[in-house]
Amino acid sequence: MKTCFTCFVLLIFSAIGNAQGTDTLYLWPGTVPGETMAKHPPVQTPNTSGNVIRLTDVTDPALVVFEPKAPSNGAGIIVCPGGGYNILAIDKEGYEVAEWFSQLGFTAFVLQYRVPDKREPALYDLQRAFRMVRARASDWNVDAKRLGVIGFSAGGSLAARASTRFDERTYAPVDAADSLSARPDFALLIYPAYLDEGENRSLTPELGLSDRTPPQFLFGTADDRYGNSALVMAGALRDQKIPVTLHFLSKGGHGYGMRNGNDAAETWPDLAEKWLRQLVLTNHEPLMP
């Protein structure tokens, strides 16, 4: 039993050691809303295929903070890894992405949201994350009106849900932070999944768009089995006259993050950086009222 516990601890430290963050913030100071399990460290799965660290059994959601490596631009972004709402590809779609944002001068926050099979509680976690970052924005010199989200695969689904359901009170307020907005100021959805679960593969019904839905950047590929999600979301945003940028390549597959060796993985970061510079970094006024 002691040996098993030691292995468990080593696995957790292995995952945490890959995060070059400066701090870890736990979202829920007391009871975690909608959670039936006691708080405990996340579990790293034995599956490391593709050189990916996969976390599951998240019961104590947290943000890992990556402060800017370049001069701070004052903007912040919450990073939502994917994993089918079952695991979190925490390094490939989390820590590595946050590191890249820190090199651009962003303060990045990697969200360890609840998995497995906890879609609705995952939304509670992301909404709470936005409110917590805004409550402590001055700690990192972050402009609370330039705080966005990026999500990959299921994380893209989560980011889309946060971008459309921000006015919903999904959990009982915990503290003063919960009086603040959970609305992203901008959103990037990279090979998003589950956005076309409506009739005849139309927009997922829970994604109700409005004139306050934030500007969005979408990236996908034609050979991705979830590729229709980006197309459907972009079309719906266009119909609502919400600012949207869509890039769609012929090949790339799914789950490539931003690692070298895949054309899609090597393409989207440059396009996203250009979009961010035009929309976020040269504009110091609120992006939307």
C-alpha atoms as a PDB file:
ATOM      1  CA  MET A   1       0.000   0.000   0.000  1.00  0.00           C
ATOM      2  CA  LYS A   2       2.839   2.376   0.863  1.00  0.00           C
ATOM      3  CA  THR A   3       4.498   1.688  -2.484  1.00  0.00           C
ATOM      4  CA  CYS A   4       1.266   2.447  -4.365  1.00  0.00           C
ATOM      5  CA  PHE A   5       0.851   5.729  -2.492  1.00  0.00           C
ATOM      6  CA  THR A   6       4.449   6.704  -3.278  1.00  0.00           C
ATOM      7  CA  CYS A   7       3.881   6.031  -6.984  1.00  0.00           C
ATOM      8  CA  PHE A   8       0.717   8.138  -6.891  1.00  0.00           C
ATOM      9  CA  VAL A   9       2.566  11.081  -5.353  1.00  0.00           C
ATOM     10  CA  LEU A  10       5.419  10.805  -7.853  1.00  0.00           C
ATOM     11  CA  LEU A  11       2.969  10.852 -10.754  1.00  0.00           C
ATOM     12  CA  ILE A  12       1.332  14.008  -9.442  1.00  0.00           C
ATOM     13  CA  PHE A  13       4.668  15.757  -8.941  1.00  0.00           C
ATOM     14  CA  SER A  14       5.689  14.686 -12.436  1.00  0.00           C
ATOM     15  CA  ALA A  15       2.647  16.472 -13.873  1.00  0.00           C
ATOM     16  CA  ILE A  16       3.103  19.535 -11.710  1.00  0.00           C
ATOM     17  CA  GLY A  17       6.808  19.672 -12.512  1.00  0.00           C
ATOM     18  CA  ASN A  18       5.973  20.220 -16.161  1.00  0.00           C
ATOM     19  CA  ALA A  19       4.116  23.408 -15.262  1.00  0.00           C
ATOM     20  CA  GLN A  20       6.548  26.283 -15.042  1.00  0.00           C
ATOM     21  CA  GLY A  21       3.858  28.387 -13.432  1.00  0.00           C
ATOM     22  CA  THR A  22       4.453  30.800 -10.605  1.00  0.00           C
ATOM     23  CA  ASP A  23       1.447  29.924  -8.448  1.00  0.00           C
ATOM     24  CA  THR A  24      -1.537  27.599  -8.167  1.00  0.00           C
ATOM     25  CA  LEU A  25      -4.909  29.019  -7.176  1.00  0.00           C
ATOM     26  CA  TYR A  26      -7.649  26.687  -5.984  1.00  0.00           C
ATOM     27  CA  LEU A  27     -11.058  27.879  -7.123  1.00  0.00           C
ATOM     28  CA  TRP A  28     -13.316  26.739  -4.330  1.00  0.00           C
ATOM     29  CA  PRO A  29     -12.316  27.570  -0.721  1.00  0.00           C
ATOM     30  CA  GLY A  30     -14.909  25.229   0.772  1.00  0.00           C
ATOM     31  CA  THR A  31     -17.394  22.822  -0.731  1.00  0.00           C
ATOM     32  CA  VAL A  32     -17.019  22.413  -4.489  1.00  0.00           C
ATOM     33  CA  PRO A  33     -20.481  22.964  -6.027  1.00  0.00           C
ATOM     34  CA  GLY A  34     -21.848  19.950  -7.845  1.00  0.00           C
ATOM     35  CA  GLU A  35     -18.998  17.714  -6.624  1.00  0.00           C
ATOM     36  CA  THR A  36     -19.700  14.470  -4.775  1.00  0.00           C
ATOM     37  CA  MET A  37     -16.081  13.410  -4.211  1.00  0.00           C
ATOM     38  CA  ALA A  38     -13.736  14.761  -1.540  1.00  0.00           C
ATOM     39  CA  LYS A  39     -10.995  17.107  -2.650  1.00  0.00           C
ATOM     40  CA  HIS A  40      -7.754  15.370  -3.606  1.00  0.00           C
ATOM     41  CA  PRO A  41      -4.890  15.939  -6.071  1.00  0.00           C
ATOM     42  CA  PRO A  42      -5.651  15.134  -9.699  1.00  0.00           C
ATOM     43  CA  VAL A  43      -4.603  11.716 -10.953  1.00  0.00           C
ATOM     44  CA  GLN A  44      -2.144  11.317 -13.806  1.00  0.00           C
ATOM     45  CA  THR A  45      -3.201   8.433 -16.034  1.00  0.00           C
ATOM     46  CA  PRO A  46      -0.657   5.766 -17.039  1.00  0.00           C
ATOM     47  CA  ASN A  47      -1.323   6.628 -20.694  1.00  0.00           C
ATOM     48  CA  THR A  48       1.523   8.879 -21.879  1.00  0.00           C
ATOM     49  CA  SER A  49       1.176   8.107 -25.603  1.00  0.00           C
ATOM     50  CA  GLY A  50       2.184  10.975 -27.847  1.00  0.00           C
ATOM     51  CA  ASN A  51       4.335  12.287 -25.001  1.00  0.00           C
ATOM     52  CA  VAL A  52       1.266  13.781 -23.363  1.00  0.00           C
ATOM     53  CA  ILE A  53       0.534  14.074 -19.630  1.00  0.00           C
ATOM     54  CA  ARG A  54      -3.118  13.269 -18.988  1.00  0.00           C
ATOM     55  CA  LEU A  55      -4.853  14.228 -15.757  1.00  0.00           C
ATOM     56  CA  THR A  56      -8.181  12.874 -14.566  1.00  0.00           C
ATOM     57  CA  ASP A  57     -10.238  12.676 -11.359  1.00  0.00           C
ATOM     58  CA  VAL A  58     -10.073  16.434 -10.807  1.00  0.00           C
ATOM     59  CA  THR A  59     -12.100  17.219  -7.680  1.00  0.00           C
ATOM     60  CA  ASP A  60     -10.303  20.390  -6.505  1.00  0.00           C
ATOM     61  CA  PRO A  61     -10.245  22.641  -9.599  1.00  0.00           C
ATOM     62  CA  ALA A  62      -7.356  25.058  -9.876  1.00  0.00           C
ATOM     63  CA  LEU A  63      -5.595  27.668 -11.990  1.00  0.00           C
ATOM     64  CA  VAL A  64      -1.862  27.420 -12.645  1.00  0.00           C
ATOM     65  CA  VAL A  65      -0.514  30.944 -13.210  1.00  0.00           C
ATOM     66  CA  PHE A  66       2.074  31.768 -15.878  1.00  0.00           C
ATOM     67  CA  GLU A  67       3.305  35.329 -15.513  1.00  0.00           C
ATOM     68  CA  PRO A  68       4.654  37.177 -18.575  1.00  0.00           C
ATOM     69  CA  LYS A  69       8.160  36.327 -19.778  1.00  0.00           C
ATOM     70  CA  ALA A  70       8.067  39.295 -22.168  1.00  0.00           C
ATOM     71  CA  PRO A  71       7.054  42.797 -21.038  1.00  0.00           C
ATOM     72  CA  SER A  72       3.468  42.565 -19.818  1.00  0.00           C
ATOM     73  CA  ASN A  73       0.812  43.728 -22.254  1.00  0.00           C
ATOM     74  CA  GLY A  74      -1.817  43.877 -19.507  1.00  0.00           C
ATOM     75  CA  ALA A  75      -4.046  41.187 -21.009  1.00  0.00           C
ATOM     76  CA  GLY A  76      -4.909  37.833 -19.464  1.00  0.00           C
ATOM     77  CA  ILE A  77      -6.066  34.525 -20.867  1.00  0.00           C
ATOM     78  CA  ILE A  78      -7.475  31.343 -19.347  1.00  0.00           C
ATOM     79  CA  VAL A  79      -6.309  28.163 -21.092  1.00  0.00           C
ATOM     80  CA  CYS A  80      -8.688  25.173 -21.224  1.00  0.00           C
ATOM     81  CA  PRO A  81      -7.016  21.890 -22.247  1.00  0.00           C
ATOM     82  CA  GLY A  82      -9.022  19.269 -24.086  1.00  0.00           C
ATOM     83  CA  GLY A  83      -9.551  15.585 -23.464  1.00  0.00           C
ATOM     84  CA  GLY A  84     -13.145  14.704 -24.282  1.00  0.00           C
ATOM     85  CA  TYR A  85     -14.331  15.890 -20.837  1.00  0.00           C
ATOM     86  CA  ASN A  86     -12.659  12.698 -19.552  1.00  0.00           C
ATOM     87  CA  ILE A  87      -9.042  13.746 -19.113  1.00  0.00           C
ATOM     88  CA  LEU A  88      -7.003  16.948 -19.455  1.00  0.00           C
ATOM     89  CA  ALA A  89      -4.099  16.973 -21.939  1.00  0.00           C
ATOM     90  CA  ILE A  90      -2.506  19.228 -19.405  1.00  0.00           C
ATOM     91  CA  ASP A  91       0.900  19.821 -20.956  1.00  0.00           C
ATOM     92  CA  LYS A  92       0.238  19.779 -24.730  1.00  0.00           C
ATOM     93  CA  GLU A  93      -2.930  21.869 -24.563  1.00  0.00           C
ATOM     94  CA  GLY A  94      -2.303  23.625 -21.275  1.00  0.00           C
ATOM     95  CA  TYR A  95       1.152  24.397 -19.927  1.00  0.00           C
ATOM     96  CA  GLU A  96       2.864  24.613 -23.322  1.00  0.00           C
ATOM     97  CA  VAL A  97       0.194  26.992 -24.604  1.00  0.00           C
ATOM     98  CA  ALA A  98       0.400  29.134 -21.469  1.00  0.00           C
ATOM     99  CA  GLU A  99       4.176  29.333 -21.853  1.00  0.00           C
ATOM    100  CA  TRP A 100       3.711  30.595 -25.417  1.00  0.00           C
ATOM    101  CA  PHE A 101       1.248  33.244 -24.249  1.00  0.00           C
ATOM    102  CA  SER A 102       3.673  34.326 -21.530  1.00  0.00           C
ATOM    103  CA  GLN A 103       6.289  34.902 -24.243  1.00  0.00           C
ATOM    104  CA  LEU A 104       3.810  37.295 -25.892  1.00  0.00           C
ATOM    105  CA  GLY A 105       3.423  39.270 -22.661  1.00  0.00           C
ATOM    106  CA  PHE A 106       0.125  37.762 -21.494  1.00  0.00           C
ATOM    107  CA  THR A 107      -0.594  36.519 -18.008  1.00  0.00           C
ATOM    108  CA  ALA A 108      -1.916  33.008 -18.664  1.00  0.00           C
ATOM    109  CA  PHE A 109      -3.916  30.769 -16.363  1.00  0.00           C
ATOM    110  CA  VAL A 110      -4.197  27.030 -17.077  1.00  0.00           C
ATOM    111  CA  LEU A 111      -7.521  25.704 -15.837  1.00  0.00           C
ATOM    112  CA  GLN A 112      -7.654  22.264 -14.248  1.00  0.00           C
ATOM    113  CA  TYR A 113     -11.402  21.817 -14.576  1.00  0.00           C
ATOM    114  CA  ARG A 114     -13.394  18.846 -13.390  1.00  0.00           C
ATOM    115  CA  VAL A 115     -13.194  15.533 -15.234  1.00  0.00           C
ATOM    116  CA  PRO A 116     -14.303  12.891 -16.024  1.00  0.00           C
ATOM    117  CA  ASP A 117     -17.844  13.261 -17.346  1.00  0.00           C
ATOM    118  CA  LYS A 118     -18.628  16.532 -15.575  1.00  0.00           C
ATOM    119  CA  ARG A 119     -19.562  18.921 -18.362  1.00  0.00           C
ATOM    120  CA  GLU A 120     -21.799  21.157 -16.272  1.00  0.00           C
ATOM    121  CA  PRO A 121     -19.462  21.378 -13.248  1.00  0.00           C
ATOM    122  CA  ALA A 122     -16.632  22.192 -15.679  1.00  0.00           C
ATOM    123  CA  LEU A 123     -18.597  25.303 -16.668  1.00  0.00           C
ATOM    124  CA  TYR A 124     -18.943  26.259 -12.995  1.00  0.00           C
ATOM    125  CA  ASP A 125     -15.152  25.999 -12.736  1.00  0.00           C
ATOM    126  CA  LEU A 126     -14.482  28.236 -15.737  1.00  0.00           C
ATOM    127  CA  GLN A 127     -17.020  30.837 -14.640  1.00  0.00           C
ATOM    128  CA  ARG A 128     -15.499  30.881 -11.161  1.00  0.00           C
ATOM    129  CA  ALA A 129     -12.025  31.186 -12.711  1.00  0.00           C
ATOM    130  CA  PHE A 130     -13.006  34.339 -14.604  1.00  0.00           C
ATOM    131  CA  ARG A 131     -14.416  35.890 -11.454  1.00  0.00           C
ATOM    132  CA  MET A 132     -11.387  34.987  -9.344  1.00  0.00           C
ATOM    133  CA  VAL A 133      -8.929  36.406 -11.876  1.00  0.00           C
ATOM    134  CA  ARG A 134     -10.931  39.609 -12.138  1.00  0.00           C
ATOM    135  CA  ALA A 135     -11.097  39.892  -8.348  1.00  0.00           C
ATOM    136  CA  ARG A 136      -7.296  39.651  -8.143  1.00  0.00           C
ATOM    137  CA  ALA A 137      -6.413  41.307 -11.447  1.00  0.00           C
ATOM    138  CA  SER A 138      -4.258  43.939  -9.766  1.00  0.00           C
ATOM    139  CA  ASP A 139      -2.030  41.172  -8.346  1.00  0.00           C
ATOM    140  CA  TRP A 140      -0.779  40.466 -11.882  1.00  0.00           C
ATOM    141  CA  ASN A 141      -1.387  43.924 -13.407  1.00  0.00           C
ATOM    142  CA  VAL A 142      -4.053  42.390 -15.635  1.00  0.00           C
ATOM    143  CA  ASP A 143      -6.748  44.569 -17.186  1.00  0.00           C
ATOM    144  CA  ALA A 144      -9.988  42.943 -16.025  1.00  0.00           C
ATOM    145  CA  LYS A 145     -11.636  44.125 -19.271  1.00  0.00           C
ATOM    146  CA  ARG A 146      -9.078  42.298 -21.443  1.00  0.00           C
ATOM    147  CA  LEU A 147      -9.420  38.778 -20.099  1.00  0.00           C
ATOM    148  CA  GLY A 148     -10.058  36.050 -22.648  1.00  0.00           C
ATOM    149  CA  VAL A 149     -10.165  32.292 -23.022  1.00  0.00           C
ATOM    150  CA  ILE A 150      -8.619  29.713 -25.343  1.00  0.00           C
ATOM    151  CA  GLY A 151      -9.781  26.116 -25.529  1.00  0.00           C
ATOM    152  CA  PHE A 152      -8.803  22.980 -27.419  1.00  0.00           C
ATOM    153  CA  SER A 153     -11.226  20.199 -28.422  1.00  0.00           C
ATOM    154  CA  ALA A 154     -13.466  19.699 -25.355  1.00  0.00           C
ATOM    155  CA  GLY A 155     -11.756  22.755 -23.900  1.00  0.00           C
ATOM    156  CA  GLY A 156     -12.943  24.604 -27.009  1.00  0.00           C
ATOM    157  CA  SER A 157     -16.455  23.420 -26.219  1.00  0.00           C
ATOM    158  CA  LEU A 158     -16.050  24.703 -22.669  1.00  0.00           C
ATOM    159  CA  ALA A 159     -14.724  28.063 -23.902  1.00  0.00           C
ATOM    160  CA  ALA A 160     -17.688  28.370 -26.289  1.00  0.00           C
ATOM    161  CA  ARG A 161     -20.115  27.589 -23.477  1.00  0.00           C
ATOM    162  CA  ALA A 162     -18.503  30.223 -21.265  1.00  0.00           C
ATOM    163  CA  SER A 163     -18.730  32.693 -24.160  1.00  0.00           C
ATOM    164  CA  THR A 164     -22.483  32.189 -24.502  1.00  0.00           C
ATOM    165  CA  ARG A 165     -23.742  31.311 -21.014  1.00  0.00           C
ATOM    166  CA  PHE A 166     -21.920  33.973 -18.986  1.00  0.00           C
ATOM    167  CA  ASP A 167     -25.149  35.587 -17.734  1.00  0.00           C
ATOM    168  CA  GLU A 168     -26.384  32.326 -16.185  1.00  0.00           C
ATOM    169  CA  ARG A 169     -25.994  31.904 -12.429  1.00  0.00           C
ATOM    170  CA  THR A 170     -24.862  28.279 -12.502  1.00  0.00           C
ATOM    171  CA  TYR A 171     -23.771  27.977  -8.855  1.00  0.00           C
ATOM    172  CA  ALA A 172     -24.530  29.687  -5.561  1.00  0.00           C
ATOM    173  CA  PRO A 173     -22.178  32.614  -4.848  1.00  0.00           C
ATOM    174  CA  VAL A 174     -19.204  31.745  -2.638  1.00  0.00           C
ATOM    175  CA  ASP A 175     -17.708  35.166  -1.886  1.00  0.00           C
ATOM    176  CA  ALA A 176     -17.444  38.718  -3.203  1.00  0.00           C
ATOM    177  CA  ALA A 177     -15.638  37.564  -6.348  1.00  0.00           C
ATOM    178  CA  ASP A 178     -18.860  35.962  -7.535  1.00  0.00           C
ATOM    179  CA  SER A 179     -20.426  39.383  -7.998  1.00  0.00           C
ATOM    180  CA  LEU A 180     -18.016  39.957 -10.911  1.00  0.00           C
ATOM    181  CA  SER A 181     -18.532  39.086 -14.551  1.00  0.00           C
ATOM    182  CA  ALA A 182     -17.834  35.610 -15.929  1.00  0.00           C
ATOM    183  CA  ARG A 183     -17.900  36.872 -19.523  1.00  0.00           C
ATOM    184  CA  PRO A 184     -14.765  36.351 -21.631  1.00  0.00           C
ATOM    185  CA  ASP A 185     -13.712  39.500 -23.492  1.00  0.00           C
ATOM    186  CA  PHE A 186     -12.467  37.385 -26.404  1.00  0.00           C
ATOM    187  CA  ALA A 187     -12.279  33.680 -27.207  1.00  0.00           C
ATOM    188  CA  LEU A 188     -10.080  31.389 -29.285  1.00  0.00           C
ATOM    189  CA  LEU A 189     -11.477  27.950 -30.164  1.00  0.00           C
ATOM    190  CA  ILE A 190      -8.809  25.622 -31.545  1.00  0.00           C
ATOM    191  CA  TYR A 191     -10.149  22.431 -33.173  1.00  0.00           C
ATOM    192  CA  PRO A 192     -13.268  22.717 -30.943  1.00  0.00           C
ATOM    193  CA  ALA A 193     -15.577  19.733 -30.454  1.00  0.00           C
ATOM    194  CA  TYR A 194     -19.268  19.259 -29.540  1.00  0.00           C
ATOM    195  CA  LEU A 195     -20.495  22.550 -30.998  1.00  0.00           C
ATOM    196  CA  ASP A 196     -22.725  20.864 -33.606  1.00  0.00           C
ATOM    197  CA  GLU A 197     -24.947  18.731 -31.388  1.00  0.00           C
ATOM    198  CA  GLY A 198     -28.151  20.378 -32.596  1.00  0.00           C
ATOM    199  CA  GLU A 199     -30.598  18.911 -35.098  1.00  0.00           C
ATOM    200  CA  ASN A 200     -28.915  17.900 -38.370  1.00  0.00           C
ATOM    201  CA  ARG A 201     -25.522  18.811 -36.903  1.00  0.00           C
ATOM    202  CA  SER A 202     -26.530  22.403 -36.297  1.00  0.00           C
ATOM    203  CA  LEU A 203     -25.335  24.580 -33.411  1.00  0.00           C
ATOM    204  CA  THR A 204     -25.559  22.913 -29.997  1.00  0.00           C
ATOM    205  CA  PRO A 205     -28.757  24.308 -28.407  1.00  0.00           C
ATOM    206  CA  GLU A 206     -27.131  25.512 -25.162  1.00  0.00           C
ATOM    207  CA  LEU A 207     -24.938  27.942 -27.124  1.00  0.00           C
ATOM    208  CA  GLY A 208     -27.317  30.881 -27.215  1.00  0.00           C
ATOM    209  CA  LEU A 209     -25.672  33.772 -29.061  1.00  0.00           C
ATOM    210  CA  SER A 210     -26.429  37.422 -28.317  1.00  0.00           C
ATOM    211  CA  ASP A 211     -25.036  40.849 -29.110  1.00  0.00           C
ATOM    212  CA  ARG A 212     -22.781  40.438 -26.043  1.00  0.00           C
ATOM    213  CA  THR A 213     -21.141  37.235 -27.265  1.00  0.00           C
ATOM    214  CA  PRO A 214     -17.421  38.100 -27.446  1.00  0.00           C
ATOM    215  CA  PRO A 215     -15.306  38.225 -30.634  1.00  0.00           C
ATOM    216  CA  GLN A 216     -13.952  34.810 -31.558  1.00  0.00           C
ATOM    217  CA  PHE A 217     -11.059  33.187 -33.434  1.00  0.00           C
ATOM    218  CA  LEU A 218     -11.678  29.650 -34.707  1.00  0.00           C
ATOM    219  CA  PHE A 219      -9.234  27.198 -36.233  1.00  0.00           C
ATOM    220  CA  GLY A 220      -9.894  23.730 -37.591  1.00  0.00           C
ATOM    221  CA  THR A 221      -9.159  21.267 -40.370  1.00  0.00           C
ATOM    222  CA  ALA A 222     -11.250  19.354 -42.889  1.00  0.00           C
ATOM    223  CA  ASP A 223      -9.862  15.952 -41.874  1.00  0.00           C
ATOM    224  CA  ASP A 224     -10.788  16.420 -38.202  1.00  0.00           C
ATOM    225  CA  ARG A 225     -13.799  14.288 -37.270  1.00  0.00           C
ATOM    226  CA  TYR A 226     -14.950  17.244 -35.153  1.00  0.00           C
ATOM    227  CA  GLY A 227     -14.205  19.805 -37.876  1.00  0.00           C
ATOM    228  CA  ASN A 228     -17.871  20.643 -38.420  1.00  0.00           C
ATOM    229  CA  SER A 229     -17.953  22.288 -34.988  1.00  0.00           C
ATOM    230  CA  ALA A 230     -15.759  25.192 -36.083  1.00  0.00           C
ATOM    231  CA  LEU A 231     -17.778  25.674 -39.276  1.00  0.00           C
ATOM    232  CA  VAL A 232     -21.122  25.648 -37.497  1.00  0.00           C
ATOM    233  CA  MET A 233     -19.974  28.018 -34.767  1.00  0.00           C
ATOM    234  CA  ALA A 234     -18.431  30.443 -37.249  1.00  0.00           C
ATOM    235  CA  GLY A 235     -21.613  30.466 -39.324  1.00  0.00           C
ATOM    236  CA  ALA A 236     -23.790  31.114 -36.290  1.00  0.00           C
ATOM    237  CA  LEU A 237     -21.534  33.953 -35.133  1.00  0.00           C
ATOM    238  CA  ARG A 238     -21.579  35.460 -38.611  1.00  0.00           C
ATOM    239  CA  ASP A 239     -25.379  35.284 -38.750  1.00  0.00           C
ATOM    240  CA  GLN A 240     -25.516  37.152 -35.424  1.00  0.00           C
ATOM    241  CA  LYS A 241     -22.999  39.711 -36.716  1.00  0.00           C
ATOM    242  CA  ILE A 242     -20.556  38.796 -33.948  1.00  0.00           C
ATOM    243  CA  PRO A 243     -16.937  39.472 -35.021  1.00  0.00           C
ATOM    244  CA  VAL A 244     -15.481  36.094 -36.026  1.00  0.00           C
ATOM    245  CA  THR A 245     -12.329  34.913 -37.756  1.00  0.00           C
ATOM    246  CA  LEU A 246     -12.209  31.352 -39.100  1.00  0.00           C
ATOM    247  CA  HIS A 247      -9.170  29.523 -40.497  1.00  0.00           C
ATOM    248  CA  PHE A 248      -9.746  26.049 -41.924  1.00  0.00           C
ATOM    249  CA  LEU A 249      -6.966  23.914 -43.390  1.00  0.00           C
ATOM    250  CA  SER A 250      -7.363  20.757 -45.455  1.00  0.00           C
ATOM    251  CA  LYS A 251      -5.221  18.574 -43.179  1.00  0.00           C
ATOM    252  CA  GLY A 252      -4.056  18.415 -39.595  1.00  0.00           C
ATOM    253  CA  GLY A 253      -6.350  16.010 -37.802  1.00  0.00           C
ATOM    254  CA  HIS A 254      -7.172  16.599 -34.162  1.00  0.00           C
ATOM    255  CA  GLY A 255      -5.330  17.087 -30.894  1.00  0.00           C
ATOM    256  CA  TYR A 256      -2.059  18.525 -32.230  1.00  0.00           C
ATOM    257  CA  GLY A 257      -1.651  21.401 -29.806  1.00  0.00           C
ATOM    258  CA  MET A 258       1.163  23.633 -31.017  1.00  0.00           C
ATOM    259  CA  ARG A 259       3.939  21.066 -31.318  1.00  0.00           C
ATOM    260  CA  ASN A 260       6.248  20.960 -34.324  1.00  0.00           C
ATOM    261  CA  GLY A 261       5.716  18.411 -37.065  1.00  0.00           C
ATOM    262  CA  ASN A 262       2.078  19.130 -37.893  1.00  0.00           C
ATOM    263  CA  ASP A 263       1.255  21.885 -40.396  1.00  0.00           C
ATOM    264  CA  ALA A 264      -1.911  22.902 -38.559  1.00  0.00           C
ATOM    265  CA  ALA A 265      -0.065  23.046 -35.213  1.00  0.00           C
ATOM    266  CA  GLU A 266       2.611  25.244 -36.779  1.00  0.00           C
ATOM    267  CA  THR A 267       0.065  27.498 -38.522  1.00  0.00           C
ATOM    268  CA  TRP A 268      -2.552  28.529 -35.983  1.00  0.00           C
ATOM    269  CA  PRO A 269      -0.262  30.264 -33.455  1.00  0.00           C
ATOM    270  CA  ASP A 270       0.966  32.862 -35.979  1.00  0.00           C
ATOM    271  CA  LEU A 271      -2.590  33.533 -37.141  1.00  0.00           C
ATOM    272  CA  ALA A 272      -3.829  33.766 -33.559  1.00  0.00           C
ATOM    273  CA  GLU A 273      -1.028  36.137 -32.598  1.00  0.00           C
ATOM    274  CA  LYS A 274      -1.895  38.453 -35.497  1.00  0.00           C
ATOM    275  CA  TRP A 275      -5.577  38.383 -34.493  1.00  0.00           C
ATOM    276  CA  LEU A 276      -4.731  39.081 -30.871  1.00  0.00           C
ATOM    277  CA  ARG A 277      -2.479  41.994 -31.763  1.00  0.00           C
ATOM    278  CA  GLN A 278      -5.183  43.579 -33.886  1.00  0.00           C
ATOM    279  CA  LEU A 279      -8.091  42.973 -31.519  1.00  0.00           C
ATOM    280  CA  VAL A 280      -6.630  42.933 -28.014  1.00  0.00           C
ATOM    281  CA  LEU A 281      -3.130  44.350 -27.837  1.00  0.00           C
ATOM    282  CA  THR A 282      -3.583  47.556 -29.836  1.00  0.00           C
ATOM    283  CA  ASN A 283      -6.956  48.329 -28.289  1.00  0.00           C
ATOM    284  CA  HIS A 284      -6.977  49.397 -24.657  1.00  0.00           C
ATOM    285  CA  GLU A 285     -10.675  50.235 -24.639  1.00  0.00           C
ATOM    286  CA  PRO A 286     -13.200  47.599 -23.510  1.00  0.00           C
ATOM    287  CA  LEU A 287     -13.762  45.194 -26.402  1.00  0.00           C
ATOM    288  CA  MET A 288     -17.535  45.271 -25.858  1.00  0.00           C
ATOM    289  CA  PRO A 289     -19.824  46.982 -23.325  1.00  0.00           C
END
